């Protein structure tokens, strides 16, 4: 399909720069076959049914933006993308975006506060693999001290502050590894979870470590030519069992949906660990997810393509037109919509 089919006009002032407080007071656009209804996230128990299963992504955002120096003394900025294993010498190896990448070559030494690294590989797309001098818990402790929250560029130019350490983390975050938040989960509070439980709505968790590719625009004219980034995920056996027994599965966010639909392509959802690069566009046959709670996404993005595949392109264009007219807040810190297929 042509990428420009997924374009729309969005006033810049509708891009949320901070989340609302409390989180469950964010607006929610209920998109149904009968039309559109303006609600708030706190209404979610009334919009679901007893027996529904909510599936959350329990990944935790790490402070993945590092500022350091090259051996020459020049400044370097690194954004961690994905953990690619441990080297023979016991170093954590990460695929990264780096600036200035053109000046880097394998063997170059980099220094960050309390952390050293060596360029192990350099790729044609400008990414590099860095081998750090720490691994495991020691590496995570080092970047917790040295790193910054990797906000997307449309939020204050990507410059995070102390508030973002909490704001850009979901209630369910427990497994370190993401460089972007599964933003639909940002709307949930302990109080909302209590009301959902009282309404007979169950919950389960999966893990998908969101990569920096989620920030990258689609640069081709046809969706067939776009290469999707890979992300690591895991579906526990207990979650697979709960999904296969549920009346309806409600995915909290596109990251959980991508993982579940990856696993369900060959049959019922099962326990699974691995990487997925699934790219969902209109015409995709959904097998695992019945409802989707998701934020409002960028024009011509893979995520707007996904929601258009889930609920229909014309319906989503109408929903987004309404959201713009009604002054909904867009993107990571913005409002959300509830979709049914």
C-alpha atoms as a PDB file:
ATOM      1  CA  UNK A   1       0.000   0.000   0.000  1.00  0.00           C
ATOM      2  CA  UNK A   2       1.094   3.592  -0.546  1.00  0.00           C
ATOM      3  CA  UNK A   3       2.514   5.106   2.623  1.00  0.00           C
ATOM      4  CA  UNK A   4       0.821   8.440   1.931  1.00  0.00           C
ATOM      5  CA  UNK A   5      -2.571   6.756   2.473  1.00  0.00           C
ATOM      6  CA  UNK A   6      -1.694   6.857   6.176  1.00  0.00           C
ATOM      7  CA  UNK A   7      -0.986  10.577   6.313  1.00  0.00           C
ATOM      8  CA  UNK A   8      -3.071  13.155   8.177  1.00  0.00           C
ATOM      9  CA  UNK A   9      -2.719  16.731   9.409  1.00  0.00           C
ATOM     10  CA  UNK A  10      -1.854  17.218  13.070  1.00  0.00           C
ATOM     11  CA  UNK A  11      -1.412  20.616  14.733  1.00  0.00           C
ATOM     12  CA  UNK A  12       1.879  20.665  16.613  1.00  0.00           C
ATOM     13  CA  UNK A  13       0.220  22.027  19.740  1.00  0.00           C
ATOM     14  CA  UNK A  14      -1.689  18.737  20.162  1.00  0.00           C
ATOM     15  CA  UNK A  15       1.531  16.800  20.792  1.00  0.00           C
ATOM     16  CA  UNK A  16       1.529  16.162  24.554  1.00  0.00           C
ATOM     17  CA  UNK A  17       4.669  17.288  26.378  1.00  0.00           C
ATOM     18  CA  UNK A  18       3.673  15.947  29.813  1.00  0.00           C
ATOM     19  CA  UNK A  19       1.186  13.293  30.949  1.00  0.00           C
ATOM     20  CA  UNK A  20      -1.996  14.299  32.739  1.00  0.00           C
ATOM     21  CA  UNK A  21      -2.355  13.648  36.445  1.00  0.00           C
ATOM     22  CA  UNK A  22      -3.738  11.341  37.642  1.00  0.00           C
ATOM     23  CA  UNK A  23      -2.891   9.082  34.734  1.00  0.00           C
ATOM     24  CA  UNK A  24      -6.369   7.561  34.468  1.00  0.00           C
ATOM     25  CA  UNK A  25      -7.899  11.004  33.871  1.00  0.00           C
ATOM     26  CA  UNK A  26      -6.555  10.960  30.303  1.00  0.00           C
ATOM     27  CA  UNK A  27      -9.214  11.122  27.603  1.00  0.00           C
ATOM     28  CA  UNK A  28     -10.310   7.947  25.853  1.00  0.00           C
ATOM     29  CA  UNK A  29     -12.008   7.850  22.454  1.00  0.00           C
ATOM     30  CA  UNK A  30     -14.229   4.778  22.257  1.00  0.00           C
ATOM     31  CA  UNK A  31     -14.261   3.693  18.604  1.00  0.00           C
ATOM     32  CA  UNK A  32     -17.088   1.282  17.819  1.00  0.00           C
ATOM     33  CA  UNK A  33     -18.967   0.096  14.781  1.00  0.00           C
ATOM     34  CA  UNK A  34     -21.734   2.516  15.760  1.00  0.00           C
ATOM     35  CA  UNK A  35     -19.550   5.610  15.978  1.00  0.00           C
ATOM     36  CA  UNK A  36     -17.313   7.528  18.383  1.00  0.00           C
ATOM     37  CA  UNK A  37     -17.806   8.349  22.022  1.00  0.00           C
ATOM     38  CA  UNK A  38     -15.688  10.654  24.186  1.00  0.00           C
ATOM     39  CA  UNK A  39     -14.798   9.071  27.515  1.00  0.00           C
ATOM     40  CA  UNK A  40     -11.884   9.008  29.971  1.00  0.00           C
ATOM     41  CA  UNK A  41      -9.582   6.127  30.892  1.00  0.00           C
ATOM     42  CA  UNK A  42     -11.280   5.813  34.284  1.00  0.00           C
ATOM     43  CA  UNK A  43     -14.415   4.654  32.397  1.00  0.00           C
ATOM     44  CA  UNK A  44     -12.627   1.575  31.083  1.00  0.00           C
ATOM     45  CA  UNK A  45     -14.354  -0.929  33.448  1.00  0.00           C
ATOM     46  CA  UNK A  46     -17.714   0.214  32.010  1.00  0.00           C
ATOM     47  CA  UNK A  47     -16.505  -0.324  28.436  1.00  0.00           C
ATOM     48  CA  UNK A  48     -15.339  -3.906  28.992  1.00  0.00           C
ATOM     49  CA  UNK A  49     -17.090  -7.115  30.060  1.00  0.00           C
ATOM     50  CA  UNK A  50     -16.614  -9.639  32.864  1.00  0.00           C
ATOM     51  CA  UNK A  51     -14.319 -12.345  31.555  1.00  0.00           C
ATOM     52  CA  UNK A  52     -12.254  -9.999  29.411  1.00  0.00           C
ATOM     53  CA  UNK A  53      -8.482 -10.434  29.754  1.00  0.00           C
ATOM     54  CA  UNK A  54      -6.212  -7.391  29.666  1.00  0.00           C
ATOM     55  CA  UNK A  55      -2.672  -8.164  28.484  1.00  0.00           C
ATOM     56  CA  UNK A  56       0.025  -5.692  29.542  1.00  0.00           C
ATOM     57  CA  UNK A  57       3.637  -5.309  28.483  1.00  0.00           C
ATOM     58  CA  UNK A  58       5.786  -5.461  31.648  1.00  0.00           C
ATOM     59  CA  UNK A  59       8.973  -4.141  30.061  1.00  0.00           C
ATOM     60  CA  UNK A  60      10.888  -1.417  31.897  1.00  0.00           C
ATOM     61  CA  UNK A  61      12.520   1.545  30.172  1.00  0.00           C
ATOM     62  CA  UNK A  62      16.245   1.849  30.814  1.00  0.00           C
ATOM     63  CA  UNK A  63      18.177   5.166  30.752  1.00  0.00           C
ATOM     64  CA  UNK A  64      19.358   4.412  27.224  1.00  0.00           C
ATOM     65  CA  UNK A  65      20.732   7.800  26.146  1.00  0.00           C
ATOM     66  CA  UNK A  66      24.434   8.167  27.024  1.00  0.00           C
ATOM     67  CA  UNK A  67      26.712  11.183  26.537  1.00  0.00           C
ATOM     68  CA  UNK A  68      30.459  10.584  26.516  1.00  0.00           C
ATOM     69  CA  UNK A  69      33.720  11.230  24.726  1.00  0.00           C
ATOM     70  CA  UNK A  70      35.812   9.528  22.074  1.00  0.00           C
ATOM     71  CA  UNK A  71      39.487   8.813  22.583  1.00  0.00           C
ATOM     72  CA  UNK A  72      40.192  11.926  20.502  1.00  0.00           C
ATOM     73  CA  UNK A  73      38.315  13.993  23.045  1.00  0.00           C
ATOM     74  CA  UNK A  74      35.288  14.655  20.825  1.00  0.00           C
ATOM     75  CA  UNK A  75      31.780  14.367  22.210  1.00  0.00           C
ATOM     76  CA  UNK A  76      29.679  11.300  21.408  1.00  0.00           C
ATOM     77  CA  UNK A  77      25.971  10.641  21.995  1.00  0.00           C
ATOM     78  CA  UNK A  78      24.729   7.052  22.035  1.00  0.00           C
ATOM     79  CA  UNK A  79      21.198   5.637  22.063  1.00  0.00           C
ATOM     80  CA  UNK A  80      21.042   1.969  23.037  1.00  0.00           C
ATOM     81  CA  UNK A  81      18.805  -0.027  20.714  1.00  0.00           C
ATOM     82  CA  UNK A  82      19.023  -3.693  21.621  1.00  0.00           C
ATOM     83  CA  UNK A  83      21.050  -6.051  23.794  1.00  0.00           C
ATOM     84  CA  UNK A  84      22.931  -8.375  21.427  1.00  0.00           C
ATOM     85  CA  UNK A  85      24.606 -10.600  24.009  1.00  0.00           C
ATOM     86  CA  UNK A  86      27.841 -10.962  25.938  1.00  0.00           C
ATOM     87  CA  UNK A  87      31.290 -10.888  24.337  1.00  0.00           C
ATOM     88  CA  UNK A  88      33.985 -13.534  24.890  1.00  0.00           C
ATOM     89  CA  UNK A  89      35.487 -11.179  27.469  1.00  0.00           C
ATOM     90  CA  UNK A  90      32.231 -10.840  29.391  1.00  0.00           C
ATOM     91  CA  UNK A  91      31.234  -7.397  28.088  1.00  0.00           C
ATOM     92  CA  UNK A  92      27.655  -6.350  27.435  1.00  0.00           C
ATOM     93  CA  UNK A  93      27.212  -5.817  23.679  1.00  0.00           C
ATOM     94  CA  UNK A  94      24.537  -3.410  22.480  1.00  0.00           C
ATOM     95  CA  UNK A  95      23.402  -2.331  19.053  1.00  0.00           C
ATOM     96  CA  UNK A  96      23.285   1.483  19.159  1.00  0.00           C
ATOM     97  CA  UNK A  97      22.643   4.624  17.213  1.00  0.00           C
ATOM     98  CA  UNK A  98      25.583   6.973  17.685  1.00  0.00           C
ATOM     99  CA  UNK A  99      26.481  10.540  16.778  1.00  0.00           C
ATOM    100  CA  UNK A 100      28.788  11.292  15.095  1.00  0.00           C
ATOM    101  CA  UNK A 101      28.763   7.760  13.646  1.00  0.00           C
ATOM    102  CA  UNK A 102      30.837   8.712  10.588  1.00  0.00           C
ATOM    103  CA  UNK A 103      33.912   9.303  12.734  1.00  0.00           C
ATOM    104  CA  UNK A 104      33.703   5.945  14.516  1.00  0.00           C
ATOM    105  CA  UNK A 105      35.521   2.794  13.493  1.00  0.00           C
ATOM    106  CA  UNK A 106      35.946  -0.662  15.073  1.00  0.00           C
ATOM    107  CA  UNK A 107      38.391  -0.570  17.935  1.00  0.00           C
ATOM    108  CA  UNK A 108      37.660   3.031  18.953  1.00  0.00           C
ATOM    109  CA  UNK A 109      37.435   3.550  22.704  1.00  0.00           C
ATOM    110  CA  UNK A 110      34.576   5.565  24.217  1.00  0.00           C
ATOM    111  CA  UNK A 111      34.223   6.840  27.757  1.00  0.00           C
ATOM    112  CA  UNK A 112      30.994   7.568  29.610  1.00  0.00           C
ATOM    113  CA  UNK A 113      30.604   8.541  33.289  1.00  0.00           C
ATOM    114  CA  UNK A 114      31.603   5.396  35.204  1.00  0.00           C
ATOM    115  CA  UNK A 115      31.498   3.267  32.062  1.00  0.00           C
ATOM    116  CA  UNK A 116      33.793   2.446  29.159  1.00  0.00           C
ATOM    117  CA  UNK A 117      33.045   0.953  25.744  1.00  0.00           C
ATOM    118  CA  UNK A 118      34.732  -0.147  22.546  1.00  0.00           C
ATOM    119  CA  UNK A 119      33.293  -0.013  19.030  1.00  0.00           C
ATOM    120  CA  UNK A 120      33.007  -3.676  18.047  1.00  0.00           C
ATOM    121  CA  UNK A 121      31.157  -3.296  14.728  1.00  0.00           C
ATOM    122  CA  UNK A 122      30.011  -0.523  12.414  1.00  0.00           C
ATOM    123  CA  UNK A 123      27.078  -1.069  10.039  1.00  0.00           C
ATOM    124  CA  UNK A 124      26.140   0.557   6.739  1.00  0.00           C
ATOM    125  CA  UNK A 125      22.956   2.048   8.220  1.00  0.00           C
ATOM    126  CA  UNK A 126      25.051   4.080  10.680  1.00  0.00           C
ATOM    127  CA  UNK A 127      24.398   1.887  13.694  1.00  0.00           C
ATOM    128  CA  UNK A 128      27.265   0.436  15.737  1.00  0.00           C
ATOM    129  CA  UNK A 129      27.740  -2.419  18.183  1.00  0.00           C
ATOM    130  CA  UNK A 130      29.426  -1.321  21.394  1.00  0.00           C
ATOM    131  CA  UNK A 131      31.095  -3.653  23.857  1.00  0.00           C
ATOM    132  CA  UNK A 132      30.846  -2.180  27.347  1.00  0.00           C
ATOM    133  CA  UNK A 133      33.234  -2.933  30.201  1.00  0.00           C
ATOM    134  CA  UNK A 134      30.411  -4.112  32.453  1.00  0.00           C
ATOM    135  CA  UNK A 135      27.564  -6.573  32.084  1.00  0.00           C
ATOM    136  CA  UNK A 136      24.428  -7.762  33.854  1.00  0.00           C
ATOM    137  CA  UNK A 137      23.437  -5.914  37.014  1.00  0.00           C
ATOM    138  CA  UNK A 138      26.686  -3.907  36.997  1.00  0.00           C
ATOM    139  CA  UNK A 139      25.935  -2.576  33.502  1.00  0.00           C
ATOM    140  CA  UNK A 140      22.351  -1.645  34.430  1.00  0.00           C
ATOM    141  CA  UNK A 141      23.577   0.108  37.582  1.00  0.00           C
ATOM    142  CA  UNK A 142      26.130   2.063  35.536  1.00  0.00           C
ATOM    143  CA  UNK A 143      23.649   3.329  32.964  1.00  0.00           C
ATOM    144  CA  UNK A 144      21.122   4.099  35.716  1.00  0.00           C
ATOM    145  CA  UNK A 145      23.698   6.584  36.987  1.00  0.00           C
ATOM    146  CA  UNK A 146      25.140   7.778  33.673  1.00  0.00           C
ATOM    147  CA  UNK A 147      22.187   7.563  31.286  1.00  0.00           C
ATOM    148  CA  UNK A 148      19.117   9.657  30.552  1.00  0.00           C
ATOM    149  CA  UNK A 149      15.535   8.684  29.751  1.00  0.00           C
ATOM    150  CA  UNK A 150      15.341   8.231  25.949  1.00  0.00           C
ATOM    151  CA  UNK A 151      12.360  10.445  25.215  1.00  0.00           C
ATOM    152  CA  UNK A 152      11.192  10.552  21.588  1.00  0.00           C
ATOM    153  CA  UNK A 153      12.215  13.738  19.748  1.00  0.00           C
ATOM    154  CA  UNK A 154       8.679  15.160  19.634  1.00  0.00           C
ATOM    155  CA  UNK A 155       8.687  15.535  23.450  1.00  0.00           C
ATOM    156  CA  UNK A 156      10.790  18.585  24.315  1.00  0.00           C
ATOM    157  CA  UNK A 157      13.280  17.703  21.597  1.00  0.00           C
ATOM    158  CA  UNK A 158      14.038  14.397  23.341  1.00  0.00           C
ATOM    159  CA  UNK A 159      15.465  16.172  26.401  1.00  0.00           C
ATOM    160  CA  UNK A 160      14.333  14.419  29.571  1.00  0.00           C
ATOM    161  CA  UNK A 161      14.304  15.809  33.100  1.00  0.00           C
ATOM    162  CA  UNK A 162      13.886  14.322  36.579  1.00  0.00           C
ATOM    163  CA  UNK A 163      10.081  14.021  36.220  1.00  0.00           C
ATOM    164  CA  UNK A 164      10.421  11.791  33.180  1.00  0.00           C
ATOM    165  CA  UNK A 165      12.162   9.079  35.216  1.00  0.00           C
ATOM    166  CA  UNK A 166       8.738   8.291  36.699  1.00  0.00           C
ATOM    167  CA  UNK A 167       6.425   9.695  34.017  1.00  0.00           C
ATOM    168  CA  UNK A 168       7.899   7.537  31.221  1.00  0.00           C
ATOM    169  CA  UNK A 169       7.454   4.275  33.127  1.00  0.00           C
ATOM    170  CA  UNK A 170       4.281   2.201  33.369  1.00  0.00           C
ATOM    171  CA  UNK A 171       2.686   0.769  36.490  1.00  0.00           C
ATOM    172  CA  UNK A 172       3.643  -2.722  35.277  1.00  0.00           C
ATOM    173  CA  UNK A 173       7.324  -2.086  34.472  1.00  0.00           C
ATOM    174  CA  UNK A 174       9.562  -4.763  35.990  1.00  0.00           C
ATOM    175  CA  UNK A 175      11.880  -6.220  33.313  1.00  0.00           C
ATOM    176  CA  UNK A 176      14.716  -3.931  32.204  1.00  0.00           C
ATOM    177  CA  UNK A 177      15.301  -3.658  28.478  1.00  0.00           C
ATOM    178  CA  UNK A 178      13.164  -1.092  26.610  1.00  0.00           C
ATOM    179  CA  UNK A 179      14.395   2.154  25.126  1.00  0.00           C
ATOM    180  CA  UNK A 180      10.821   3.392  24.635  1.00  0.00           C
ATOM    181  CA  UNK A 181       7.768   3.026  26.849  1.00  0.00           C
ATOM    182  CA  UNK A 182       4.759   0.863  25.930  1.00  0.00           C
ATOM    183  CA  UNK A 183       2.736   4.034  26.190  1.00  0.00           C
ATOM    184  CA  UNK A 184      -0.805   2.641  26.477  1.00  0.00           C
ATOM    185  CA  UNK A 185       0.242   1.275  29.863  1.00  0.00           C
ATOM    186  CA  UNK A 186       1.051   4.785  31.086  1.00  0.00           C
ATOM    187  CA  UNK A 187      -2.668   5.440  31.686  1.00  0.00           C
ATOM    188  CA  UNK A 188      -3.136   2.878  34.457  1.00  0.00           C
ATOM    189  CA  UNK A 189      -3.208   3.555  38.203  1.00  0.00           C
ATOM    190  CA  UNK A 190      -3.613   1.255  41.223  1.00  0.00           C
ATOM    191  CA  UNK A 191      -7.127   2.634  41.690  1.00  0.00           C
ATOM    192  CA  UNK A 192      -8.113   1.788  38.120  1.00  0.00           C
ATOM    193  CA  UNK A 193      -6.701  -1.708  38.506  1.00  0.00           C
ATOM    194  CA  UNK A 194      -8.841  -2.193  41.628  1.00  0.00           C
ATOM    195  CA  UNK A 195     -11.977  -1.166  39.717  1.00  0.00           C
ATOM    196  CA  UNK A 196     -11.113  -3.457  36.800  1.00  0.00           C
ATOM    197  CA  UNK A 197     -10.680  -6.425  39.149  1.00  0.00           C
ATOM    198  CA  UNK A 198     -13.992  -5.637  40.851  1.00  0.00           C
ATOM    199  CA  UNK A 199     -15.648  -5.626  37.411  1.00  0.00           C
ATOM    200  CA  UNK A 200     -14.493  -9.197  36.770  1.00  0.00           C
ATOM    201  CA  UNK A 201     -11.759  -8.252  34.305  1.00  0.00           C
ATOM    202  CA  UNK A 202      -8.577 -10.325  34.510  1.00  0.00           C
ATOM    203  CA  UNK A 203      -5.004  -9.346  33.670  1.00  0.00           C
ATOM    204  CA  UNK A 204      -1.882 -11.062  32.358  1.00  0.00           C
ATOM    205  CA  UNK A 205       1.592  -9.950  31.326  1.00  0.00           C
ATOM    206  CA  UNK A 206       3.991 -10.365  28.427  1.00  0.00           C
ATOM    207  CA  UNK A 207       7.366  -8.764  27.761  1.00  0.00           C
ATOM    208  CA  UNK A 208       8.396  -6.976  24.582  1.00  0.00           C
ATOM    209  CA  UNK A 209      11.489  -4.803  24.886  1.00  0.00           C
ATOM    210  CA  UNK A 210      10.644  -1.808  22.714  1.00  0.00           C
ATOM    211  CA  UNK A 211      13.518  -0.759  20.459  1.00  0.00           C
ATOM    212  CA  UNK A 212      14.593   2.633  19.154  1.00  0.00           C
ATOM    213  CA  UNK A 213      13.205   1.674  15.759  1.00  0.00           C
ATOM    214  CA  UNK A 214       9.837   2.803  17.107  1.00  0.00           C
ATOM    215  CA  UNK A 215      11.096   6.401  16.642  1.00  0.00           C
ATOM    216  CA  UNK A 216      12.191   5.892  13.051  1.00  0.00           C
ATOM    217  CA  UNK A 217       9.974   7.255  10.245  1.00  0.00           C
ATOM    218  CA  UNK A 218       8.902   5.200   7.255  1.00  0.00           C
ATOM    219  CA  UNK A 219      11.140   6.510   4.474  1.00  0.00           C
ATOM    220  CA  UNK A 220       9.780   4.491   1.548  1.00  0.00           C
ATOM    221  CA  UNK A 221       6.752   5.180  -0.648  1.00  0.00           C
ATOM    222  CA  UNK A 222       5.248   1.674  -0.457  1.00  0.00           C
ATOM    223  CA  UNK A 223       4.739  -0.447   2.641  1.00  0.00           C
ATOM    224  CA  UNK A 224       6.167  -3.522   0.873  1.00  0.00           C
ATOM    225  CA  UNK A 225       9.578  -1.848   0.844  1.00  0.00           C
ATOM    226  CA  UNK A 226       9.721  -1.035   4.561  1.00  0.00           C
ATOM    227  CA  UNK A 227      11.972  -3.142   6.789  1.00  0.00           C
ATOM    228  CA  UNK A 228      10.631  -3.524  10.327  1.00  0.00           C
ATOM    229  CA  UNK A 229      13.004  -3.476  13.289  1.00  0.00           C
ATOM    230  CA  UNK A 230      13.267  -6.621  15.430  1.00  0.00           C
ATOM    231  CA  UNK A 231      12.409  -6.659  19.142  1.00  0.00           C
ATOM    232  CA  UNK A 232      12.882  -9.323  21.810  1.00  0.00           C
ATOM    233  CA  UNK A 233       9.806 -10.699  23.545  1.00  0.00           C
ATOM    234  CA  UNK A 234       8.485 -13.415  25.826  1.00  0.00           C
ATOM    235  CA  UNK A 235       5.050 -14.914  26.445  1.00  0.00           C
ATOM    236  CA  UNK A 236       4.919 -16.912  29.720  1.00  0.00           C
ATOM    237  CA  UNK A 237       3.001 -20.191  29.814  1.00  0.00           C
ATOM    238  CA  UNK A 238       0.524 -18.798  32.356  1.00  0.00           C
ATOM    239  CA  UNK A 239      -0.288 -15.898  30.040  1.00  0.00           C
ATOM    240  CA  UNK A 240      -0.694 -18.211  27.041  1.00  0.00           C
ATOM    241  CA  UNK A 241      -3.106 -20.373  29.036  1.00  0.00           C
ATOM    242  CA  UNK A 242      -5.098 -17.338  30.182  1.00  0.00           C
ATOM    243  CA  UNK A 243      -5.357 -15.992  26.619  1.00  0.00           C
ATOM    244  CA  UNK A 244      -6.570 -19.274  25.190  1.00  0.00           C
ATOM    245  CA  UNK A 245      -9.231 -19.541  27.927  1.00  0.00           C
ATOM    246  CA  UNK A 246     -10.401 -15.889  27.755  1.00  0.00           C
ATOM    247  CA  UNK A 247     -13.690 -14.730  26.287  1.00  0.00           C
ATOM    248  CA  UNK A 248     -12.018 -11.657  24.772  1.00  0.00           C
ATOM    249  CA  UNK A 249      -8.406 -10.522  24.758  1.00  0.00           C
ATOM    250  CA  UNK A 250      -7.758  -6.800  25.229  1.00  0.00           C
ATOM    251  CA  UNK A 251      -4.227  -5.784  24.287  1.00  0.00           C
ATOM    252  CA  UNK A 252      -2.918  -2.806  26.226  1.00  0.00           C
ATOM    253  CA  UNK A 253      -0.838  -1.227  23.512  1.00  0.00           C
ATOM    254  CA  UNK A 254       0.534  -2.117  20.113  1.00  0.00           C
ATOM    255  CA  UNK A 255       3.674  -3.734  21.559  1.00  0.00           C
ATOM    256  CA  UNK A 256       1.708  -6.453  23.353  1.00  0.00           C
ATOM    257  CA  UNK A 257      -0.457  -6.905  20.254  1.00  0.00           C
ATOM    258  CA  UNK A 258       2.543  -7.333  17.937  1.00  0.00           C
ATOM    259  CA  UNK A 259       3.967  -9.998  20.220  1.00  0.00           C
ATOM    260  CA  UNK A 260       0.702 -11.915  20.614  1.00  0.00           C
ATOM    261  CA  UNK A 261      -0.068 -11.854  16.898  1.00  0.00           C
ATOM    262  CA  UNK A 262       3.487 -13.021  16.136  1.00  0.00           C
ATOM    263  CA  UNK A 263       3.019 -16.034  18.380  1.00  0.00           C
ATOM    264  CA  UNK A 264      -0.531 -16.796  17.160  1.00  0.00           C
ATOM    265  CA  UNK A 265       0.252 -16.914  13.435  1.00  0.00           C
ATOM    266  CA  UNK A 266       0.595 -20.695  13.450  1.00  0.00           C
ATOM    267  CA  UNK A 267      -2.173 -21.573  15.928  1.00  0.00           C
ATOM    268  CA  UNK A 268      -3.212 -20.844  19.529  1.00  0.00           C
ATOM    269  CA  UNK A 269      -0.997 -18.550  21.598  1.00  0.00           C
ATOM    270  CA  UNK A 270       1.745 -20.560  23.284  1.00  0.00           C
ATOM    271  CA  UNK A 271       4.659 -19.941  25.609  1.00  0.00           C
ATOM    272  CA  UNK A 272       7.342 -18.322  23.477  1.00  0.00           C
ATOM    273  CA  UNK A 273      10.663 -16.467  23.647  1.00  0.00           C
ATOM    274  CA  UNK A 274      12.445 -14.843  20.718  1.00  0.00           C
ATOM    275  CA  UNK A 275      12.546 -11.851  18.382  1.00  0.00           C
ATOM    276  CA  UNK A 276       9.737 -10.518  16.239  1.00  0.00           C
ATOM    277  CA  UNK A 277       9.848  -8.110  13.295  1.00  0.00           C
ATOM    278  CA  UNK A 278       6.175  -8.461  12.414  1.00  0.00           C
ATOM    279  CA  UNK A 279       4.846  -5.572  10.291  1.00  0.00           C
ATOM    280  CA  UNK A 280       1.050  -5.259  10.425  1.00  0.00           C
ATOM    281  CA  UNK A 281      -0.768  -3.415   7.648  1.00  0.00           C
ATOM    282  CA  UNK A 282      -4.370  -3.545   6.349  1.00  0.00           C
ATOM    283  CA  UNK A 283      -5.255  -7.032   5.177  1.00  0.00           C
ATOM    284  CA  UNK A 284      -3.554  -8.710   8.142  1.00  0.00           C
ATOM    285  CA  UNK A 285      -5.570 -11.544   9.724  1.00  0.00           C
ATOM    286  CA  UNK A 286      -5.722 -11.053  13.498  1.00  0.00           C
ATOM    287  CA  UNK A 287      -5.895 -14.252  15.524  1.00  0.00           C
ATOM    288  CA  UNK A 288      -5.191 -13.379  19.162  1.00  0.00           C
ATOM    289  CA  UNK A 289      -6.478  -9.887  20.034  1.00  0.00           C
ATOM    290  CA  UNK A 290     -10.109  -8.748  20.071  1.00  0.00           C
ATOM    291  CA  UNK A 291      -9.779  -5.197  21.466  1.00  0.00           C
ATOM    292  CA  UNK A 292      -6.880  -2.742  21.527  1.00  0.00           C
ATOM    293  CA  UNK A 293      -6.233   0.190  23.852  1.00  0.00           C
ATOM    294  CA  UNK A 294      -3.640   2.436  22.249  1.00  0.00           C
ATOM    295  CA  UNK A 295      -2.432   6.025  22.118  1.00  0.00           C
ATOM    296  CA  UNK A 296      -2.744   8.273  19.061  1.00  0.00           C
ATOM    297  CA  UNK A 297       0.153   7.727  16.671  1.00  0.00           C
ATOM    298  CA  UNK A 298       2.248   9.652  14.160  1.00  0.00           C
ATOM    299  CA  UNK A 299       1.144  10.195  10.552  1.00  0.00           C
ATOM    300  CA  UNK A 300       2.566   7.623   8.116  1.00  0.00           C
ATOM    301  CA  UNK A 301       3.963   5.566  11.004  1.00  0.00           C
ATOM    302  CA  UNK A 302       3.978   1.779  11.266  1.00  0.00           C
ATOM    303  CA  UNK A 303       1.750   2.136  14.343  1.00  0.00           C
ATOM    304  CA  UNK A 304      -0.945   4.095  12.501  1.00  0.00           C
ATOM    305  CA  UNK A 305      -0.764   1.392   9.830  1.00  0.00           C
ATOM    306  CA  UNK A 306      -1.268  -1.228  12.554  1.00  0.00           C
ATOM    307  CA  UNK A 307      -4.363   0.424  14.062  1.00  0.00           C
ATOM    308  CA  UNK A 308      -5.757   0.905  10.537  1.00  0.00           C
ATOM    309  CA  UNK A 309      -5.308  -2.814   9.941  1.00  0.00           C
ATOM    310  CA  UNK A 310      -7.057  -3.560  13.233  1.00  0.00           C
ATOM    311  CA  UNK A 311     -10.078  -1.253  12.999  1.00  0.00           C
ATOM    312  CA  UNK A 312     -10.140  -0.198   9.326  1.00  0.00           C
ATOM    313  CA  UNK A 313      -8.357   2.665   7.593  1.00  0.00           C
ATOM    314  CA  UNK A 314     -11.446   4.806   6.951  1.00  0.00           C
ATOM    315  CA  UNK A 315     -12.700   4.317  10.502  1.00  0.00           C
ATOM    316  CA  UNK A 316      -9.314   5.324  11.919  1.00  0.00           C
ATOM    317  CA  UNK A 317      -9.079   8.379   9.690  1.00  0.00           C
ATOM    318  CA  UNK A 318     -12.506   9.445  10.939  1.00  0.00           C
ATOM    319  CA  UNK A 319     -11.468   8.770  14.539  1.00  0.00           C
ATOM    320  CA  UNK A 320      -8.277  10.806  14.170  1.00  0.00           C
ATOM    321  CA  UNK A 321     -10.154  13.663  12.480  1.00  0.00           C
ATOM    322  CA  UNK A 322     -12.511  13.701  15.461  1.00  0.00           C
ATOM    323  CA  UNK A 323      -9.586  13.557  17.897  1.00  0.00           C
ATOM    324  CA  UNK A 324      -7.953  16.565  16.233  1.00  0.00           C
ATOM    325  CA  UNK A 325     -11.207  18.551  16.189  1.00  0.00           C
ATOM    326  CA  UNK A 326     -11.896  17.656  19.838  1.00  0.00           C
ATOM    327  CA  UNK A 327      -8.344  18.610  20.856  1.00  0.00           C
ATOM    328  CA  UNK A 328      -7.209  15.208  22.073  1.00  0.00           C
ATOM    329  CA  UNK A 329      -3.542  15.019  23.074  1.00  0.00           C
ATOM    330  CA  UNK A 330      -1.314  12.907  20.800  1.00  0.00           C
ATOM    331  CA  UNK A 331       1.648  10.532  21.058  1.00  0.00           C
ATOM    332  CA  UNK A 332       3.518   9.053  24.035  1.00  0.00           C
ATOM    333  CA  UNK A 333       2.217  11.334  26.801  1.00  0.00           C
ATOM    334  CA  UNK A 334      -1.160  11.863  25.161  1.00  0.00           C
ATOM    335  CA  UNK A 335      -4.655  10.406  25.276  1.00  0.00           C
ATOM    336  CA  UNK A 336      -5.818   7.039  23.942  1.00  0.00           C
ATOM    337  CA  UNK A 337      -8.522   5.191  22.052  1.00  0.00           C
ATOM    338  CA  UNK A 338     -10.250   1.832  22.481  1.00  0.00           C
ATOM    339  CA  UNK A 339     -10.585  -0.132  19.259  1.00  0.00           C
ATOM    340  CA  UNK A 340     -12.590  -3.236  18.322  1.00  0.00           C
ATOM    341  CA  UNK A 341     -12.047  -5.304  15.219  1.00  0.00           C
END
